Amino acid sequence: MEPGEPASVTLLSVDNLQGYVPERYLGLVQALAASAAEATKALEERALNRARRANADALRHRPAAGGIYVVLGVRLAAGINASGQPVWVAYGTLVRGHRAT
């Protein structure tokens, strides 16, 4: 991990967080798994990888492009696949922002 690279991503079930100002919406992040816990963990890993790529890309264009990465509006949904096994999906919107001053 490079200095200044995101070390964590916060998962929130709310769509708007008081005191947090979104600067850039980086898109939908989703993950499938056999349980809700596994889907949530996979979502966190995917969001962190995407945040690291976005951070590296932003630093190429702007030297001080760091921020706080959050997945807003996290939702969990369950279903059954074609073979009859349960499937869970976790999804939300990855956002880069900062604290409100």
N, C-alpha and C. Protein backbone atom coordinates (compact mmCIF):
# COMPACT_ATOMS: atom_id res chain seq x y z
N MET A 1 0.85 -1.17 0.00
CA MET A 1 0.00 0.00 0.00
C MET A 1 0.89 1.23 0.00
N GLU A 2 0.56 2.18 -0.84
CA GLU A 2 1.30 3.44 -0.96
C GLU A 2 0.86 4.42 0.13
N PRO A 3 1.75 5.34 0.54
CA PRO A 3 1.34 6.37 1.50
C PRO A 3 0.19 7.21 0.93
N GLY A 4 -0.81 7.48 1.77
CA GLY A 4 -1.96 8.26 1.34
C GLY A 4 -3.03 7.46 0.63
N GLU A 5 -2.75 6.18 0.35
CA GLU A 5 -3.73 5.32 -0.33
C GLU A 5 -4.82 4.93 0.67
N PRO A 6 -6.08 4.83 0.21
CA PRO A 6 -7.16 4.46 1.13
C PRO A 6 -6.88 3.12 1.81
N ALA A 7 -7.04 3.09 3.14
CA ALA A 7 -6.83 1.87 3.90
C ALA A 7 -8.15 1.22 4.28
N SER A 8 -9.24 1.98 4.19
CA SER A 8 -10.55 1.42 4.51
C SER A 8 -11.63 2.18 3.76
N VAL A 9 -12.77 1.54 3.66
CA VAL A 9 -13.97 2.14 3.06
C VAL A 9 -15.09 1.91 4.05
N THR A 10 -15.85 2.94 4.34
CA THR A 10 -16.96 2.84 5.27
C THR A 10 -18.23 2.47 4.51
N LEU A 11 -18.96 1.48 5.02
CA LEU A 11 -20.23 1.06 4.42
C LEU A 11 -21.37 1.65 5.24
N LEU A 12 -22.27 2.39 4.59
CA LEU A 12 -23.39 3.02 5.28
C LEU A 12 -24.70 2.68 4.59
N SER A 13 -25.73 2.44 5.39
CA SER A 13 -27.03 2.14 4.79
C SER A 13 -27.80 3.40 4.43
N VAL A 14 -27.32 4.56 4.86
CA VAL A 14 -27.99 5.82 4.53
C VAL A 14 -27.51 6.34 3.18
N ASP A 15 -28.33 7.16 2.53
CA ASP A 15 -27.95 7.72 1.24
C ASP A 15 -27.29 9.09 1.37
N ASN A 16 -27.43 9.70 2.56
CA ASN A 16 -26.87 11.03 2.79
C ASN A 16 -26.35 11.06 4.21
N LEU A 17 -25.09 11.41 4.40
CA LEU A 17 -24.47 11.43 5.72
C LEU A 17 -24.20 12.85 6.15
N GLN A 18 -24.80 13.26 7.24
CA GLN A 18 -24.61 14.62 7.75
C GLN A 18 -23.15 14.84 8.10
N GLY A 19 -22.58 15.96 7.63
CA GLY A 19 -21.19 16.29 7.90
C GLY A 19 -20.22 15.74 6.86
N TYR A 20 -20.74 15.05 5.85
CA TYR A 20 -19.91 14.48 4.78
C TYR A 20 -20.34 15.11 3.46
N VAL A 21 -19.37 15.65 2.74
CA VAL A 21 -19.67 16.31 1.47
C VAL A 21 -19.10 15.47 0.32
N PRO A 22 -19.97 14.81 -0.47
CA PRO A 22 -19.49 14.04 -1.62
C PRO A 22 -18.86 14.95 -2.67
N GLU A 23 -17.70 14.57 -3.17
CA GLU A 23 -17.05 15.32 -4.25
C GLU A 23 -17.23 14.62 -5.59
N ARG A 24 -17.19 13.30 -5.54
CA ARG A 24 -17.29 12.53 -6.79
C ARG A 24 -17.93 11.18 -6.53
N TYR A 25 -18.93 10.87 -7.34
CA TYR A 25 -19.57 9.56 -7.29
C TYR A 25 -18.81 8.64 -8.23
N LEU A 26 -18.30 7.53 -7.68
CA LEU A 26 -17.45 6.63 -8.45
C LEU A 26 -18.21 5.44 -9.03
N GLY A 27 -19.49 5.32 -8.69
CA GLY A 27 -20.32 4.30 -9.32
C GLY A 27 -20.79 3.22 -8.37
N LEU A 28 -21.59 2.33 -8.92
CA LEU A 28 -22.18 1.21 -8.18
C LEU A 28 -21.11 0.16 -7.91
N VAL A 29 -21.14 -0.37 -6.70
CA VAL A 29 -20.27 -1.49 -6.33
C VAL A 29 -21.20 -2.58 -5.83
N GLN A 30 -20.97 -3.81 -6.28
CA GLN A 30 -21.83 -4.91 -5.84
C GLN A 30 -21.02 -6.19 -5.69
N ALA A 31 -21.55 -7.11 -4.87
CA ALA A 31 -20.89 -8.40 -4.65
C ALA A 31 -21.95 -9.45 -4.36
N LEU A 32 -21.71 -10.66 -4.85
CA LEU A 32 -22.59 -11.81 -4.63
C LEU A 32 -21.90 -12.81 -3.71
N ALA A 33 -22.68 -13.49 -2.87
CA ALA A 33 -22.12 -14.53 -2.00
C ALA A 33 -23.24 -15.43 -1.50
N ALA A 34 -22.85 -16.48 -0.76
CA ALA A 34 -23.82 -17.44 -0.25
C ALA A 34 -24.49 -16.97 1.05
N SER A 35 -23.92 -15.94 1.70
CA SER A 35 -24.54 -15.42 2.92
C SER A 35 -24.46 -13.90 2.91
N ALA A 36 -25.27 -13.27 3.74
CA ALA A 36 -25.26 -11.81 3.84
C ALA A 36 -23.91 -11.31 4.34
N ALA A 37 -23.33 -12.00 5.31
CA ALA A 37 -22.03 -11.60 5.86
C ALA A 37 -20.94 -11.68 4.80
N GLU A 38 -20.93 -12.77 4.03
CA GLU A 38 -19.93 -12.92 2.96
C GLU A 38 -20.12 -11.86 1.88
N ALA A 39 -21.36 -11.55 1.54
CA ALA A 39 -21.63 -10.53 0.52
C ALA A 39 -21.17 -9.16 1.00
N THR A 40 -21.40 -8.86 2.26
CA THR A 40 -20.97 -7.57 2.81
C THR A 40 -19.45 -7.47 2.82
N LYS A 41 -18.77 -8.53 3.23
CA LYS A 41 -17.30 -8.55 3.24
C LYS A 41 -16.76 -8.39 1.82
N ALA A 42 -17.35 -9.09 0.88
CA ALA A 42 -16.91 -8.99 -0.52
C ALA A 42 -17.14 -7.58 -1.07
N LEU A 43 -18.27 -6.97 -0.68
CA LEU A 43 -18.55 -5.60 -1.10
C LEU A 43 -17.49 -4.65 -0.57
N GLU A 44 -17.12 -4.81 0.69
CA GLU A 44 -16.09 -3.97 1.29
C GLU A 44 -14.76 -4.12 0.55
N GLU A 45 -14.38 -5.35 0.21
CA GLU A 45 -13.13 -5.60 -0.51
C GLU A 45 -13.16 -4.97 -1.91
N ARG A 46 -14.26 -5.15 -2.63
CA ARG A 46 -14.38 -4.57 -3.98
C ARG A 46 -14.35 -3.05 -3.92
N ALA A 47 -15.05 -2.48 -2.95
CA ALA A 47 -15.09 -1.02 -2.81
C ALA A 47 -13.70 -0.48 -2.49
N LEU A 48 -12.96 -1.16 -1.62
CA LEU A 48 -11.62 -0.72 -1.28
C LEU A 48 -10.69 -0.80 -2.48
N ASN A 49 -10.76 -1.86 -3.25
CA ASN A 49 -9.94 -1.97 -4.46
C ASN A 49 -10.28 -0.87 -5.46
N ARG A 50 -11.56 -0.61 -5.63
CA ARG A 50 -11.99 0.44 -6.56
C ARG A 50 -11.57 1.83 -6.06
N ALA A 51 -11.65 2.04 -4.75
CA ALA A 51 -11.22 3.32 -4.16
C ALA A 51 -9.73 3.53 -4.37
N ARG A 52 -8.94 2.47 -4.22
CA ARG A 52 -7.49 2.58 -4.44
C ARG A 52 -7.18 2.93 -5.89
N ARG A 53 -7.88 2.29 -6.82
CA ARG A 53 -7.67 2.62 -8.24
C ARG A 53 -8.09 4.05 -8.54
N ALA A 54 -9.23 4.47 -7.99
CA ALA A 54 -9.71 5.84 -8.20
C ALA A 54 -8.75 6.85 -7.60
N ASN A 55 -8.21 6.53 -6.43
CA ASN A 55 -7.26 7.43 -5.77
C ASN A 55 -5.99 7.57 -6.61
N ALA A 56 -5.48 6.45 -7.12
CA ALA A 56 -4.27 6.50 -7.95
C ALA A 56 -4.52 7.31 -9.22
N ASP A 57 -5.69 7.13 -9.82
CA ASP A 57 -6.04 7.88 -11.02
C ASP A 57 -6.17 9.37 -10.71
N ALA A 58 -6.81 9.70 -9.59
CA ALA A 58 -6.98 11.10 -9.21
C ALA A 58 -5.64 11.77 -8.92
N LEU A 59 -4.72 11.03 -8.31
CA LEU A 59 -3.40 11.60 -8.00
C LEU A 59 -2.60 11.90 -9.26
N ARG A 60 -2.85 11.17 -10.33
CA ARG A 60 -2.16 11.46 -11.61
C ARG A 60 -2.61 12.80 -12.16
N HIS A 61 -3.86 13.18 -11.89
CA HIS A 61 -4.40 14.43 -12.42
C HIS A 61 -4.26 15.59 -11.45
N ARG A 62 -4.29 15.30 -10.16
CA ARG A 62 -4.23 16.32 -9.12
C ARG A 62 -3.43 15.78 -7.95
N PRO A 63 -2.33 16.44 -7.57
CA PRO A 63 -1.46 15.91 -6.52
C PRO A 63 -2.14 15.74 -5.15
N ALA A 64 -3.08 16.58 -4.80
CA ALA A 64 -3.72 16.50 -3.49
C ALA A 64 -5.16 16.04 -3.63
N ALA A 65 -5.37 14.88 -4.23
CA ALA A 65 -6.72 14.42 -4.54
C ALA A 65 -7.28 13.44 -3.53
N GLY A 66 -6.67 13.30 -2.36
CA GLY A 66 -7.15 12.35 -1.36
C GLY A 66 -8.55 12.67 -0.90
N GLY A 67 -9.12 11.79 -0.16
CA GLY A 67 -10.47 12.00 0.35
C GLY A 67 -10.91 10.85 1.21
N ILE A 68 -12.13 10.94 1.68
CA ILE A 68 -12.74 9.88 2.48
C ILE A 68 -13.66 9.09 1.56
N TYR A 69 -13.42 7.79 1.47
CA TYR A 69 -14.22 6.93 0.59
C TYR A 69 -15.31 6.24 1.40
N VAL A 70 -16.54 6.33 0.90
CA VAL A 70 -17.71 5.79 1.59
C VAL A 70 -18.60 5.09 0.56
N VAL A 71 -19.20 3.98 0.95
CA VAL A 71 -20.24 3.35 0.14
C VAL A 71 -21.56 3.74 0.76
N LEU A 72 -22.31 4.58 0.06
CA LEU A 72 -23.59 5.08 0.55
C LEU A 72 -24.73 4.19 0.05
N GLY A 73 -25.79 4.13 0.84
CA GLY A 73 -26.99 3.41 0.42
C GLY A 73 -26.80 1.91 0.29
N VAL A 74 -26.00 1.31 1.18
CA VAL A 74 -25.76 -0.13 1.09
C VAL A 74 -27.07 -0.88 1.31
N ARG A 75 -27.32 -1.82 0.42
CA ARG A 75 -28.52 -2.65 0.48
C ARG A 75 -28.13 -4.12 0.34
N LEU A 76 -28.90 -4.99 0.96
CA LEU A 76 -28.71 -6.43 0.83
C LEU A 76 -30.00 -7.02 0.27
N ALA A 77 -29.86 -7.91 -0.67
CA ALA A 77 -31.01 -8.60 -1.25
C ALA A 77 -30.69 -10.09 -1.34
N ALA A 78 -31.71 -10.92 -1.20
CA ALA A 78 -31.52 -12.37 -1.25
C ALA A 78 -32.37 -12.96 -2.36
N GLY A 79 -31.89 -14.07 -2.87
CA GLY A 79 -32.61 -14.78 -3.91
C GLY A 79 -32.14 -16.22 -3.96
N ILE A 80 -32.62 -16.93 -4.94
CA ILE A 80 -32.24 -18.32 -5.14
C ILE A 80 -31.78 -18.46 -6.58
N ASN A 81 -30.60 -19.08 -6.76
CA ASN A 81 -30.08 -19.24 -8.12
C ASN A 81 -30.74 -20.44 -8.82
N ALA A 82 -30.34 -20.70 -10.05
CA ALA A 82 -30.98 -21.74 -10.86
C ALA A 82 -30.84 -23.14 -10.26
N SER A 83 -29.79 -23.35 -9.46
CA SER A 83 -29.61 -24.67 -8.85
C SER A 83 -30.28 -24.78 -7.47
N GLY A 84 -31.03 -23.73 -7.08
CA GLY A 84 -31.76 -23.77 -5.82
C GLY A 84 -30.97 -23.32 -4.60
N GLN A 85 -29.77 -22.81 -4.80
CA GLN A 85 -28.95 -22.34 -3.69
C GLN A 85 -29.25 -20.87 -3.39
N PRO A 86 -29.19 -20.50 -2.10
CA PRO A 86 -29.42 -19.09 -1.76
C PRO A 86 -28.26 -18.22 -2.24
N VAL A 87 -28.61 -17.03 -2.68
CA VAL A 87 -27.61 -16.06 -3.15
C VAL A 87 -27.94 -14.72 -2.52
N TRP A 88 -26.93 -14.07 -2.00
CA TRP A 88 -27.08 -12.74 -1.43
C TRP A 88 -26.29 -11.75 -2.26
N VAL A 89 -26.84 -10.58 -2.45
CA VAL A 89 -26.12 -9.51 -3.14
C VAL A 89 -26.10 -8.29 -2.22
N ALA A 90 -24.92 -7.69 -2.14
CA ALA A 90 -24.76 -6.43 -1.41
C ALA A 90 -24.35 -5.39 -2.43
N TYR A 91 -24.95 -4.18 -2.35
CA TYR A 91 -24.60 -3.16 -3.32
C TYR A 91 -24.78 -1.77 -2.72
N GLY A 92 -24.09 -0.81 -3.32
CA GLY A 92 -24.19 0.59 -2.89
C GLY A 92 -23.38 1.45 -3.83
N THR A 93 -23.37 2.76 -3.57
CA THR A 93 -22.68 3.73 -4.42
C THR A 93 -21.39 4.18 -3.75
N LEU A 94 -20.26 3.95 -4.42
CA LEU A 94 -18.96 4.39 -3.91
C LEU A 94 -18.78 5.87 -4.18
N VAL A 95 -18.40 6.63 -3.15
CA VAL A 95 -18.28 8.08 -3.23
C VAL A 95 -16.97 8.51 -2.59
N ARG A 96 -16.31 9.51 -3.20
CA ARG A 96 -15.16 10.16 -2.57
C ARG A 96 -15.61 11.53 -2.11
N GLY A 97 -15.27 11.90 -0.88
CA GLY A 97 -15.68 13.20 -0.38
C GLY A 97 -14.79 13.64 0.77
N HIS A 98 -15.31 14.60 1.54
CA HIS A 98 -14.56 15.13 2.68
C HIS A 98 -15.54 15.57 3.77
N ARG A 99 -15.00 15.85 4.94
CA ARG A 99 -15.82 16.35 6.04
C ARG A 99 -16.23 17.78 5.75
N ALA A 100 -17.44 18.10 6.14
CA ALA A 100 -17.94 19.47 5.98
C ALA A 100 -17.23 20.36 7.00
N THR A 101 -16.92 21.57 6.58
CA THR A 101 -16.26 22.49 7.51
C THR A 101 -17.21 23.50 8.07
